[in-house]
mmCIF file of all heavy atoms, coordinates in Angstrom:
data_MODEL
# 
_entry.id   MODEL 
# 
loop_
_atom_site.group_PDB 
_atom_site.id 
_atom_site.type_symbol 
_atom_site.label_atom_id 
_atom_site.label_alt_id 
_atom_site.label_comp_id 
_atom_site.label_asym_id 
_atom_site.label_entity_id 
_atom_site.label_seq_id 
_atom_site.pdbx_PDB_ins_code 
_atom_site.Cartn_x 
_atom_site.Cartn_y 
_atom_site.Cartn_z 
_atom_site.occupancy 
_atom_site.B_iso_or_equiv 
_atom_site.pdbx_formal_charge 
_atom_site.auth_seq_id 
_atom_site.auth_comp_id 
_atom_site.auth_asym_id 
_atom_site.auth_atom_id 
_atom_site.pdbx_PDB_model_num 
ATOM 1   N N   . ASP A 1 1  ? -47.260 57.130 -0.623  1.00 0.00 ? 1  ASP A N   1 
ATOM 2   C CA  . ASP A 1 1  ? -46.111 56.175 -0.378  1.00 0.00 ? 1  ASP A CA  1 
ATOM 3   C C   . ASP A 1 1  ? -46.711 54.823 0.020   1.00 0.00 ? 1  ASP A C   1 
ATOM 4   O O   . ASP A 1 1  ? -45.976 53.747 0.200   1.00 0.00 ? 1  ASP A O   1 
ATOM 5   C CB  . ASP A 1 1  ? -45.321 56.634 0.797   1.00 0.00 ? 1  ASP A CB  1 
ATOM 6   C CG  . ASP A 1 1  ? -44.514 57.909 0.424   1.00 0.00 ? 1  ASP A CG  1 
ATOM 7   O OD1 . ASP A 1 1  ? -44.228 58.086 -0.822  1.00 0.00 ? 1  ASP A OD1 1 
ATOM 8   O OD2 . ASP A 1 1  ? -44.234 58.707 1.375   1.00 0.00 ? 1  ASP A OD2 1 
ATOM 9   N N   . SER A 1 2  ? -48.005 54.677 0.168   1.00 0.00 ? 2  SER A N   1 
ATOM 10  C CA  . SER A 1 2  ? -48.606 53.360 0.524   1.00 0.00 ? 2  SER A CA  1 
ATOM 11  C C   . SER A 1 2  ? -48.637 52.374 -0.697  1.00 0.00 ? 2  SER A C   1 
ATOM 12  O O   . SER A 1 2  ? -48.946 52.753 -1.807  1.00 0.00 ? 2  SER A O   1 
ATOM 13  C CB  . SER A 1 2  ? -50.104 53.562 1.020   1.00 0.00 ? 2  SER A CB  1 
ATOM 14  O OG  . SER A 1 2  ? -50.677 52.398 1.152   1.00 0.00 ? 2  SER A OG  1 
ATOM 15  N N   . PRO A 1 3  ? -48.236 51.129 -0.390  1.00 0.00 ? 3  PRO A N   1 
ATOM 16  C CA  . PRO A 1 3  ? -48.445 50.078 -1.522  1.00 0.00 ? 3  PRO A CA  1 
ATOM 17  C C   . PRO A 1 3  ? -49.933 50.063 -1.809  1.00 0.00 ? 3  PRO A C   1 
ATOM 18  O O   . PRO A 1 3  ? -50.744 50.154 -1.001  1.00 0.00 ? 3  PRO A O   1 
ATOM 19  C CB  . PRO A 1 3  ? -47.817 48.826 -0.851  1.00 0.00 ? 3  PRO A CB  1 
ATOM 20  C CG  . PRO A 1 3  ? -48.019 49.067 0.654   1.00 0.00 ? 3  PRO A CG  1 
ATOM 21  C CD  . PRO A 1 3  ? -47.782 50.532 0.824   1.00 0.00 ? 3  PRO A CD  1 
ATOM 22  N N   . ARG A 1 4  ? -50.130 49.650 -3.120  1.00 0.00 ? 4  ARG A N   1 
ATOM 23  C CA  . ARG A 1 4  ? -51.513 49.450 -3.513  1.00 0.00 ? 4  ARG A CA  1 
ATOM 24  C C   . ARG A 1 4  ? -51.843 48.008 -3.625  1.00 0.00 ? 4  ARG A C   1 
ATOM 25  O O   . ARG A 1 4  ? -51.033 47.269 -4.167  1.00 0.00 ? 4  ARG A O   1 
ATOM 26  C CB  . ARG A 1 4  ? -51.773 50.195 -4.880  1.00 0.00 ? 4  ARG A CB  1 
ATOM 27  C CG  . ARG A 1 4  ? -51.379 51.629 -4.947  1.00 0.00 ? 4  ARG A CG  1 
ATOM 28  C CD  . ARG A 1 4  ? -52.395 52.463 -4.100  1.00 0.00 ? 4  ARG A CD  1 
ATOM 29  N NE  . ARG A 1 4  ? -53.692 52.440 -4.502  1.00 0.00 ? 4  ARG A NE  1 
ATOM 30  C CZ  . ARG A 1 4  ? -54.757 53.061 -4.003  1.00 0.00 ? 4  ARG A CZ  1 
ATOM 31  N NH1 . ARG A 1 4  ? -54.502 53.786 -2.910  1.00 0.00 ? 4  ARG A NH1 1 
ATOM 32  N NH2 . ARG A 1 4  ? -55.944 53.029 -4.478  1.00 0.00 ? 4  ARG A NH2 1 
ATOM 33  N N   . PHE A 1 5  ? -53.093 47.586 -3.358  1.00 0.00 ? 5  PHE A N   1 
ATOM 34  C CA  . PHE A 1 5  ? -53.382 46.246 -3.365  1.00 0.00 ? 5  PHE A CA  1 
ATOM 35  C C   . PHE A 1 5  ? -54.807 45.994 -4.180  1.00 0.00 ? 5  PHE A C   1 
ATOM 36  O O   . PHE A 1 5  ? -55.509 46.974 -4.189  1.00 0.00 ? 5  PHE A O   1 
ATOM 37  C CB  . PHE A 1 5  ? -53.659 45.671 -2.007  1.00 0.00 ? 5  PHE A CB  1 
ATOM 38  C CG  . PHE A 1 5  ? -52.342 45.408 -1.239  1.00 0.00 ? 5  PHE A CG  1 
ATOM 39  C CD1 . PHE A 1 5  ? -51.829 46.542 -0.534  1.00 0.00 ? 5  PHE A CD1 1 
ATOM 40  C CD2 . PHE A 1 5  ? -51.778 44.204 -1.133  1.00 0.00 ? 5  PHE A CD2 1 
ATOM 41  C CE1 . PHE A 1 5  ? -50.551 46.335 0.066   1.00 0.00 ? 5  PHE A CE1 1 
ATOM 42  C CE2 . PHE A 1 5  ? -50.533 44.055 -0.446  1.00 0.00 ? 5  PHE A CE2 1 
ATOM 43  C CZ  . PHE A 1 5  ? -49.989 45.126 0.200   1.00 0.00 ? 5  PHE A CZ  1 
ATOM 44  N N   . GLN A 1 6  ? -54.933 44.855 -4.735  1.00 0.00 ? 6  GLN A N   1 
ATOM 45  C CA  . GLN A 1 6  ? -56.143 44.483 -5.461  1.00 0.00 ? 6  GLN A CA  1 
ATOM 46  C C   . GLN A 1 6  ? -56.810 43.431 -4.636  1.00 0.00 ? 6  GLN A C   1 
ATOM 47  O O   . GLN A 1 6  ? -56.207 42.501 -4.037  1.00 0.00 ? 6  GLN A O   1 
ATOM 48  C CB  . GLN A 1 6  ? -55.796 43.941 -6.843  1.00 0.00 ? 6  GLN A CB  1 
ATOM 49  C CG  . GLN A 1 6  ? -55.246 44.857 -7.813  1.00 0.00 ? 6  GLN A CG  1 
ATOM 50  C CD  . GLN A 1 6  ? -54.872 44.230 -9.160  1.00 0.00 ? 6  GLN A CD  1 
ATOM 51  O OE1 . GLN A 1 6  ? -54.086 43.272 -9.134  1.00 0.00 ? 6  GLN A OE1 1 
ATOM 52  N NE2 . GLN A 1 6  ? -55.345 44.708 -10.246 1.00 0.00 ? 6  GLN A NE2 1 
ATOM 53  N N   . ILE A 1 7  ? -58.161 43.524 -4.551  1.00 0.00 ? 7  ILE A N   1 
ATOM 54  C CA  . ILE A 1 7  ? -58.951 42.404 -3.991  1.00 0.00 ? 7  ILE A CA  1 
ATOM 55  C C   . ILE A 1 7  ? -58.990 41.204 -4.943  1.00 0.00 ? 7  ILE A C   1 
ATOM 56  O O   . ILE A 1 7  ? -59.511 41.358 -5.944  1.00 0.00 ? 7  ILE A O   1 
ATOM 57  C CB  . ILE A 1 7  ? -60.409 42.888 -3.538  1.00 0.00 ? 7  ILE A CB  1 
ATOM 58  C CG1 . ILE A 1 7  ? -60.336 43.994 -2.548  1.00 0.00 ? 7  ILE A CG1 1 
ATOM 59  C CG2 . ILE A 1 7  ? -61.173 41.739 -3.112  1.00 0.00 ? 7  ILE A CG2 1 
ATOM 60  C CD1 . ILE A 1 7  ? -61.639 44.487 -2.104  1.00 0.00 ? 7  ILE A CD1 1 
ATOM 61  N N   . MET A 1 8  ? -58.486 40.076 -4.437  1.00 0.00 ? 8  MET A N   1 
ATOM 62  C CA  . MET A 1 8  ? -58.535 38.827 -5.237  1.00 0.00 ? 8  MET A CA  1 
ATOM 63  C C   . MET A 1 8  ? -59.740 37.959 -4.933  1.00 0.00 ? 8  MET A C   1 
ATOM 64  O O   . MET A 1 8  ? -60.351 37.299 -5.785  1.00 0.00 ? 8  MET A O   1 
ATOM 65  C CB  . MET A 1 8  ? -57.334 38.033 -5.000  1.00 0.00 ? 8  MET A CB  1 
ATOM 66  C CG  . MET A 1 8  ? -55.981 38.771 -5.290  1.00 0.00 ? 8  MET A CG  1 
ATOM 67  S SD  . MET A 1 8  ? -55.932 39.363 -6.952  1.00 0.00 ? 8  MET A SD  1 
ATOM 68  C CE  . MET A 1 8  ? -55.848 37.816 -7.868  1.00 0.00 ? 8  MET A CE  1 
ATOM 69  N N   . SER A 1 9  ? -60.263 38.049 -3.650  1.00 0.00 ? 9  SER A N   1 
ATOM 70  C CA  . SER A 1 9  ? -61.380 37.271 -3.253  1.00 0.00 ? 9  SER A CA  1 
ATOM 71  C C   . SER A 1 9  ? -61.994 37.830 -2.018  1.00 0.00 ? 9  SER A C   1 
ATOM 72  O O   . SER A 1 9  ? -61.309 38.396 -1.129  1.00 0.00 ? 9  SER A O   1 
ATOM 73  C CB  . SER A 1 9  ? -61.176 35.722 -3.174  1.00 0.00 ? 9  SER A CB  1 
ATOM 74  O OG  . SER A 1 9  ? -60.260 35.539 -1.995  1.00 0.00 ? 9  SER A OG  1 
ATOM 75  N N   . LEU A 1 10 ? -63.305 37.680 -1.853  1.00 0.00 ? 10 LEU A N   1 
ATOM 76  C CA  . LEU A 1 10 ? -64.065 38.121 -0.702  1.00 0.00 ? 10 LEU A CA  1 
ATOM 77  C C   . LEU A 1 10 ? -64.962 36.999 -0.286  1.00 0.00 ? 10 LEU A C   1 
ATOM 78  O O   . LEU A 1 10 ? -65.770 36.568 -1.056  1.00 0.00 ? 10 LEU A O   1 
ATOM 79  C CB  . LEU A 1 10 ? -64.792 39.410 -1.077  1.00 0.00 ? 10 LEU A CB  1 
ATOM 80  C CG  . LEU A 1 10 ? -65.641 40.074 0.048   1.00 0.00 ? 10 LEU A CG  1 
ATOM 81  C CD1 . LEU A 1 10 ? -64.758 40.540 1.146   1.00 0.00 ? 10 LEU A CD1 1 
ATOM 82  C CD2 . LEU A 1 10 ? -66.476 41.131 -0.514  1.00 0.00 ? 10 LEU A CD2 1 
ATOM 83  N N   . GLU A 1 11 ? -64.831 36.504 0.979   1.00 0.00 ? 11 GLU A N   1 
ATOM 84  C CA  . GLU A 1 11 ? -65.551 35.324 1.404   1.00 0.00 ? 11 GLU A CA  1 
ATOM 85  C C   . GLU A 1 11 ? -66.118 35.415 2.768   1.00 0.00 ? 11 GLU A C   1 
ATOM 86  O O   . GLU A 1 11 ? -65.521 35.973 3.698   1.00 0.00 ? 11 GLU A O   1 
ATOM 87  C CB  . GLU A 1 11 ? -64.527 34.161 1.349   1.00 0.00 ? 11 GLU A CB  1 
ATOM 88  C CG  . GLU A 1 11 ? -65.158 32.743 1.853   1.00 0.00 ? 11 GLU A CG  1 
ATOM 89  C CD  . GLU A 1 11 ? -64.052 31.741 1.801   1.00 0.00 ? 11 GLU A CD  1 
ATOM 90  O OE1 . GLU A 1 11 ? -62.928 32.048 1.520   1.00 0.00 ? 11 GLU A OE1 1 
ATOM 91  O OE2 . GLU A 1 11 ? -64.427 30.566 2.153   1.00 0.00 ? 11 GLU A OE2 1 
ATOM 92  N N   . GLN A 1 12 ? -67.375 35.070 2.925   1.00 0.00 ? 12 GLN A N   1 
ATOM 93  C CA  . GLN A 1 12 ? -67.908 35.064 4.201   1.00 0.00 ? 12 GLN A CA  1 
ATOM 94  C C   . GLN A 1 12 ? -67.795 33.705 4.800   1.00 0.00 ? 12 GLN A C   1 
ATOM 95  O O   . GLN A 1 12 ? -68.067 32.641 4.198   1.00 0.00 ? 12 GLN A O   1 
ATOM 96  C CB  . GLN A 1 12 ? -69.439 35.289 4.133   1.00 0.00 ? 12 GLN A CB  1 
ATOM 97  C CG  . GLN A 1 12 ? -70.193 35.262 5.546   1.00 0.00 ? 12 GLN A CG  1 
ATOM 98  C CD  . GLN A 1 12 ? -71.670 35.629 5.426   1.00 0.00 ? 12 GLN A CD  1 
ATOM 99  O OE1 . GLN A 1 12 ? -72.079 36.212 4.373   1.00 0.00 ? 12 GLN A OE1 1 
ATOM 100 N NE2 . GLN A 1 12 ? -72.415 35.236 6.437   1.00 0.00 ? 12 GLN A NE2 1 
ATOM 101 N N   . ILE A 1 13 ? -67.182 33.563 6.134   1.00 0.00 ? 13 ILE A N   1 
ATOM 102 C CA  . ILE A 1 13 ? -67.029 32.344 6.751   1.00 0.00 ? 13 ILE A CA  1 
ATOM 103 C C   . ILE A 1 13 ? -67.791 32.388 8.114   1.00 0.00 ? 13 ILE A C   1 
ATOM 104 O O   . ILE A 1 13 ? -67.355 33.020 9.078   1.00 0.00 ? 13 ILE A O   1 
ATOM 105 C CB  . ILE A 1 13 ? -65.516 32.074 7.077   1.00 0.00 ? 13 ILE A CB  1 
ATOM 106 C CG1 . ILE A 1 13 ? -64.717 32.161 5.788   1.00 0.00 ? 13 ILE A CG1 1 
ATOM 107 C CG2 . ILE A 1 13 ? -65.316 30.726 7.745   1.00 0.00 ? 13 ILE A CG2 1 
ATOM 108 C CD1 . ILE A 1 13 ? -63.212 31.917 5.958   1.00 0.00 ? 13 ILE A CD1 1 
ATOM 109 N N   . GLN A 1 14 ? -68.916 31.905 8.074   1.00 0.00 ? 14 GLN A N   1 
ATOM 110 C CA  . GLN A 1 14 ? -69.890 32.021 9.230   1.00 0.00 ? 14 GLN A CA  1 
ATOM 111 C C   . GLN A 1 14 ? -70.138 33.468 9.432   1.00 0.00 ? 14 GLN A C   1 
ATOM 112 O O   . GLN A 1 14 ? -70.551 34.240 8.595   1.00 0.00 ? 14 GLN A O   1 
ATOM 113 C CB  . GLN A 1 14 ? -69.409 31.190 10.445  1.00 0.00 ? 14 GLN A CB  1 
ATOM 114 C CG  . GLN A 1 14 ? -69.568 29.708 10.281  1.00 0.00 ? 14 GLN A CG  1 
ATOM 115 C CD  . GLN A 1 14 ? -69.269 29.027 11.542  1.00 0.00 ? 14 GLN A CD  1 
ATOM 116 O OE1 . GLN A 1 14 ? -68.706 29.514 12.541  1.00 0.00 ? 14 GLN A OE1 1 
ATOM 117 N NE2 . GLN A 1 14 ? -69.598 27.723 11.527  1.00 0.00 ? 14 GLN A NE2 1 
ATOM 118 N N   . ASP A 1 15 ? -69.795 34.055 10.669  1.00 0.00 ? 15 ASP A N   1 
ATOM 119 C CA  . ASP A 1 15 ? -70.008 35.419 10.949  1.00 0.00 ? 15 ASP A CA  1 
ATOM 120 C C   . ASP A 1 15 ? -68.735 36.299 10.644  1.00 0.00 ? 15 ASP A C   1 
ATOM 121 O O   . ASP A 1 15 ? -68.785 37.500 10.873  1.00 0.00 ? 15 ASP A O   1 
ATOM 122 C CB  . ASP A 1 15 ? -70.390 35.581 12.472  1.00 0.00 ? 15 ASP A CB  1 
ATOM 123 C CG  . ASP A 1 15 ? -71.695 35.054 12.771  1.00 0.00 ? 15 ASP A CG  1 
ATOM 124 O OD1 . ASP A 1 15 ? -72.554 35.029 11.863  1.00 0.00 ? 15 ASP A OD1 1 
ATOM 125 O OD2 . ASP A 1 15 ? -71.900 34.600 14.001  1.00 0.00 ? 15 ASP A OD2 1 
ATOM 126 N N   . ASP A 1 16 ? -67.749 35.651 10.106  1.00 0.00 ? 16 ASP A N   1 
ATOM 127 C CA  . ASP A 1 16 ? -66.481 36.423 9.823   1.00 0.00 ? 16 ASP A CA  1 
ATOM 128 C C   . ASP A 1 16 ? -66.418 36.617 8.304   1.00 0.00 ? 16 ASP A C   1 
ATOM 129 O O   . ASP A 1 16 ? -67.112 36.038 7.488   1.00 0.00 ? 16 ASP A O   1 
ATOM 130 C CB  . ASP A 1 16 ? -65.300 35.605 10.250  1.00 0.00 ? 16 ASP A CB  1 
ATOM 131 C CG  . ASP A 1 16 ? -65.396 35.356 11.736  1.00 0.00 ? 16 ASP A CG  1 
ATOM 132 O OD1 . ASP A 1 16 ? -65.602 36.222 12.514  1.00 0.00 ? 16 ASP A OD1 1 
ATOM 133 O OD2 . ASP A 1 16 ? -65.071 34.115 12.147  1.00 0.00 ? 16 ASP A OD2 1 
ATOM 134 N N   . VAL A 1 17 ? -65.491 37.503 7.869   1.00 0.00 ? 17 VAL A N   1 
ATOM 135 C CA  . VAL A 1 17 ? -65.231 37.746 6.524   1.00 0.00 ? 17 VAL A CA  1 
ATOM 136 C C   . VAL A 1 17 ? -63.742 37.639 6.254   1.00 0.00 ? 17 VAL A C   1 
ATOM 137 O O   . VAL A 1 17 ? -62.948 38.103 7.033   1.00 0.00 ? 17 VAL A O   1 
ATOM 138 C CB  . VAL A 1 17 ? -65.736 39.261 6.082   1.00 0.00 ? 17 VAL A CB  1 
ATOM 139 C CG1 . VAL A 1 17 ? -65.293 39.566 4.763   1.00 0.00 ? 17 VAL A CG1 1 
ATOM 140 C CG2 . VAL A 1 17 ? -67.248 39.414 6.276   1.00 0.00 ? 17 VAL A CG2 1 
ATOM 141 N N   . LYS A 1 18 ? -63.455 37.035 5.166   1.00 0.00 ? 18 LYS A N   1 
ATOM 142 C CA  . LYS A 1 18 ? -62.049 36.846 4.721   1.00 0.00 ? 18 LYS A CA  1 
ATOM 143 C C   . LYS A 1 18 ? -61.827 37.721 3.463   1.00 0.00 ? 18 LYS A C   1 
ATOM 144 O O   . LYS A 1 18 ? -62.560 37.407 2.494   1.00 0.00 ? 18 LYS A O   1 
ATOM 145 C CB  . LYS A 1 18 ? -61.636 35.447 4.580   1.00 0.00 ? 18 LYS A CB  1 
ATOM 146 C CG  . LYS A 1 18 ? -60.124 35.276 4.044   1.00 0.00 ? 18 LYS A CG  1 
ATOM 147 C CD  . LYS A 1 18 ? -60.022 33.742 3.725   1.00 0.00 ? 18 LYS A CD  1 
ATOM 148 C CE  . LYS A 1 18 ? -58.569 33.473 3.254   1.00 0.00 ? 18 LYS A CE  1 
ATOM 149 N NZ  . LYS A 1 18 ? -58.325 32.104 2.908   1.00 0.00 ? 18 LYS A NZ  1 
ATOM 150 N N   . VAL A 1 19 ? -60.869 38.467 3.405   1.00 0.00 ? 19 VAL A N   1 
ATOM 151 C CA  . VAL A 1 19 ? -60.489 39.302 2.188   1.00 0.00 ? 19 VAL A CA  1 
ATOM 152 C C   . VAL A 1 19 ? -58.987 38.865 1.906   1.00 0.00 ? 19 VAL A C   1 
ATOM 153 O O   . VAL A 1 19 ? -58.163 38.965 2.668   1.00 0.00 ? 19 VAL A O   1 
ATOM 154 C CB  . VAL A 1 19 ? -60.653 40.787 2.339   1.00 0.00 ? 19 VAL A CB  1 
ATOM 155 C CG1 . VAL A 1 19 ? -60.434 41.448 1.017   1.00 0.00 ? 19 VAL A CG1 1 
ATOM 156 C CG2 . VAL A 1 19 ? -61.978 41.111 2.948   1.00 0.00 ? 19 VAL A CG2 1 
ATOM 157 N N   . VAL A 1 20 ? -58.853 38.488 0.603   1.00 0.00 ? 20 VAL A N   1 
ATOM 158 C CA  . VAL A 1 20 ? -57.458 38.241 0.029   1.00 0.00 ? 20 VAL A CA  1 
ATOM 159 C C   . VAL A 1 20 ? -57.119 39.362 -0.861  1.00 0.00 ? 20 VAL A C   1 
ATOM 160 O O   . VAL A 1 20 ? -57.871 39.689 -1.819  1.00 0.00 ? 20 VAL A O   1 
ATOM 161 C CB  . VAL A 1 20 ? -57.392 36.877 -0.664  1.00 0.00 ? 20 VAL A CB  1 
ATOM 162 C CG1 . VAL A 1 20 ? -55.997 36.740 -1.249  1.00 0.00 ? 20 VAL A CG1 1 
ATOM 163 C CG2 . VAL A 1 20 ? -57.686 35.774 0.352   1.00 0.00 ? 20 VAL A CG2 1 
ATOM 164 N N   . TYR A 1 21 ? -56.024 40.099 -0.557  1.00 0.00 ? 21 TYR A N   1 
ATOM 165 C CA  . TYR A 1 21 ? -55.507 41.200 -1.329  1.00 0.00 ? 21 TYR A CA  1 
ATOM 166 C C   . TYR A 1 21 ? -54.130 40.728 -2.001  1.00 0.00 ? 21 TYR A C   1 
ATOM 167 O O   . TYR A 1 21 ? -53.410 39.996 -1.457  1.00 0.00 ? 21 TYR A O   1 
ATOM 168 C CB  . TYR A 1 21 ? -55.252 42.366 -0.407  1.00 0.00 ? 21 TYR A CB  1 
ATOM 169 C CG  . TYR A 1 21 ? -56.440 43.043 0.193   1.00 0.00 ? 21 TYR A CG  1 
ATOM 170 C CD1 . TYR A 1 21 ? -56.807 42.671 1.514   1.00 0.00 ? 21 TYR A CD1 1 
ATOM 171 C CD2 . TYR A 1 21 ? -57.074 44.006 -0.362  1.00 0.00 ? 21 TYR A CD2 1 
ATOM 172 C CE1 . TYR A 1 21 ? -57.866 43.279 2.162   1.00 0.00 ? 21 TYR A CE1 1 
ATOM 173 C CE2 . TYR A 1 21 ? -58.190 44.663 0.248   1.00 0.00 ? 21 TYR A CE2 1 
ATOM 174 C CZ  . TYR A 1 21 ? -58.503 44.267 1.537   1.00 0.00 ? 21 TYR A CZ  1 
ATOM 175 O OH  . TYR A 1 21 ? -59.586 44.892 2.099   1.00 0.00 ? 21 TYR A OH  1 
ATOM 176 N N   . ARG A 1 22 ? -53.925 41.276 -3.149  1.00 0.00 ? 22 ARG A N   1 
ATOM 177 C CA  . ARG A 1 22 ? -52.648 41.021 -3.812  1.00 0.00 ? 22 ARG A CA  1 
ATOM 178 C C   . ARG A 1 22 ? -51.967 42.338 -4.124  1.00 0.00 ? 22 ARG A C   1 
ATOM 179 O O   . ARG A 1 22 ? -52.620 43.208 -4.695  1.00 0.00 ? 22 ARG A O   1 
ATOM 180 C CB  . ARG A 1 22 ? -52.726 40.138 -4.978  1.00 0.00 ? 22 ARG A CB  1 
ATOM 181 C CG  . ARG A 1 22 ? -51.338 39.738 -5.633  1.00 0.00 ? 22 ARG A CG  1 
ATOM 182 C CD  . ARG A 1 22 ? -51.551 38.630 -6.617  1.00 0.00 ? 22 ARG A CD  1 
ATOM 183 N NE  . ARG A 1 22 ? -51.719 37.351 -5.977  1.00 0.00 ? 22 ARG A NE  1 
ATOM 184 C CZ  . ARG A 1 22 ? -51.558 36.183 -6.565  1.00 0.00 ? 22 ARG A CZ  1 
ATOM 185 N NH1 . ARG A 1 22 ? -51.309 36.092 -7.853  1.00 0.00 ? 22 ARG A NH1 1 
ATOM 186 N NH2 . ARG A 1 22 ? -51.796 35.034 -5.955  1.00 0.00 ? 22 ARG A NH2 1 
ATOM 187 N N   . CYS A 1 23 ? -50.759 42.561 -3.789  1.00 0.00 ? 23 CYS A N   1 
ATOM 188 C CA  . CYS A 1 23 ? -50.033 43.814 -4.056  1.00 0.00 ? 23 CYS A CA  1 
ATOM 189 C C   . CYS A 1 23 ? -49.869 44.049 -5.498  1.00 0.00 ? 23 CYS A C   1 
ATOM 190 O O   . CYS A 1 23 ? -49.446 43.170 -6.330  1.00 0.00 ? 23 CYS A O   1 
ATOM 191 C CB  . CYS A 1 23 ? -48.641 43.801 -3.406  1.00 0.00 ? 23 CYS A CB  1 
ATOM 192 S SG  . CYS A 1 23 ? -47.835 45.377 -3.614  1.00 0.00 ? 23 CYS A SG  1 
ATOM 193 N N   . SER A 1 24 ? -50.288 45.185 -6.074  1.00 0.00 ? 24 SER A N   1 
ATOM 194 C CA  . SER A 1 24 ? -50.247 45.540 -7.488  1.00 0.00 ? 24 SER A CA  1 
ATOM 195 C C   . SER A 1 24 ? -48.842 45.587 -7.964  1.00 0.00 ? 24 SER A C   1 
ATOM 196 O O   . SER A 1 24 ? -48.641 45.521 -9.183  1.00 0.00 ? 24 SER A O   1 
ATOM 197 C CB  . SER A 1 24 ? -50.941 46.863 -7.613  1.00 0.00 ? 24 SER A CB  1 
ATOM 198 O OG  . SER A 1 24 ? -52.275 46.952 -7.184  1.00 0.00 ? 24 SER A OG  1 
ATOM 199 N N   . GLU A 1 25 ? -47.891 45.747 -7.061  1.00 0.00 ? 25 GLU A N   1 
ATOM 200 C CA  . GLU A 1 25 ? -46.493 45.965 -7.471  1.00 0.00 ? 25 GLU A CA  1 
ATOM 201 C C   . GLU A 1 25 ? -45.692 44.575 -7.403  1.00 0.00 ? 25 GLU A C   1 
ATOM 202 O O   . GLU A 1 25 ? -44.486 44.560 -7.739  1.00 0.00 ? 25 GLU A O   1 
ATOM 203 C CB  . GLU A 1 25 ? -45.782 46.926 -6.641  1.00 0.00 ? 25 GLU A CB  1 
ATOM 204 C CG  . GLU A 1 25 ? -46.440 48.297 -6.757  1.00 0.00 ? 25 GLU A CG  1 
ATOM 205 C CD  . GLU A 1 25 ? -45.969 49.309 -5.672  1.00 0.00 ? 25 GLU A CD  1 
ATOM 206 O OE1 . GLU A 1 25 ? -45.083 48.918 -4.932  1.00 0.00 ? 25 GLU A OE1 1 
ATOM 207 O OE2 . GLU A 1 25 ? -46.501 50.489 -5.674  1.00 0.00 ? 25 GLU A OE2 1 
ATOM 208 N N   . SER A 1 26 ? -46.353 43.524 -7.015  1.00 0.00 ? 26 SER A N   1 
ATOM 209 C CA  . SER A 1 26 ? -45.566 42.223 -6.931  1.00 0.00 ? 26 SER A CA  1 
ATOM 210 C C   . SER A 1 26 ? -45.247 41.723 -8.238  1.00 0.00 ? 26 SER A C   1 
ATOM 211 O O   . SER A 1 26 ? -45.828 41.995 -9.305  1.00 0.00 ? 26 SER A O   1 
ATOM 212 C CB  . SER A 1 26 ? -46.449 41.213 -6.189  1.00 0.00 ? 26 SER A CB  1 
ATOM 213 O OG  . SER A 1 26 ? -46.644 41.550 -4.865  1.00 0.00 ? 26 SER A OG  1 
# 
């Protein structure tokens, strides 16, 4: 039942990490 997502980008910002996901069903 969980929505599925794709990773669009993965970015290191100093000591943090930013991940952008997009829903496969959008």
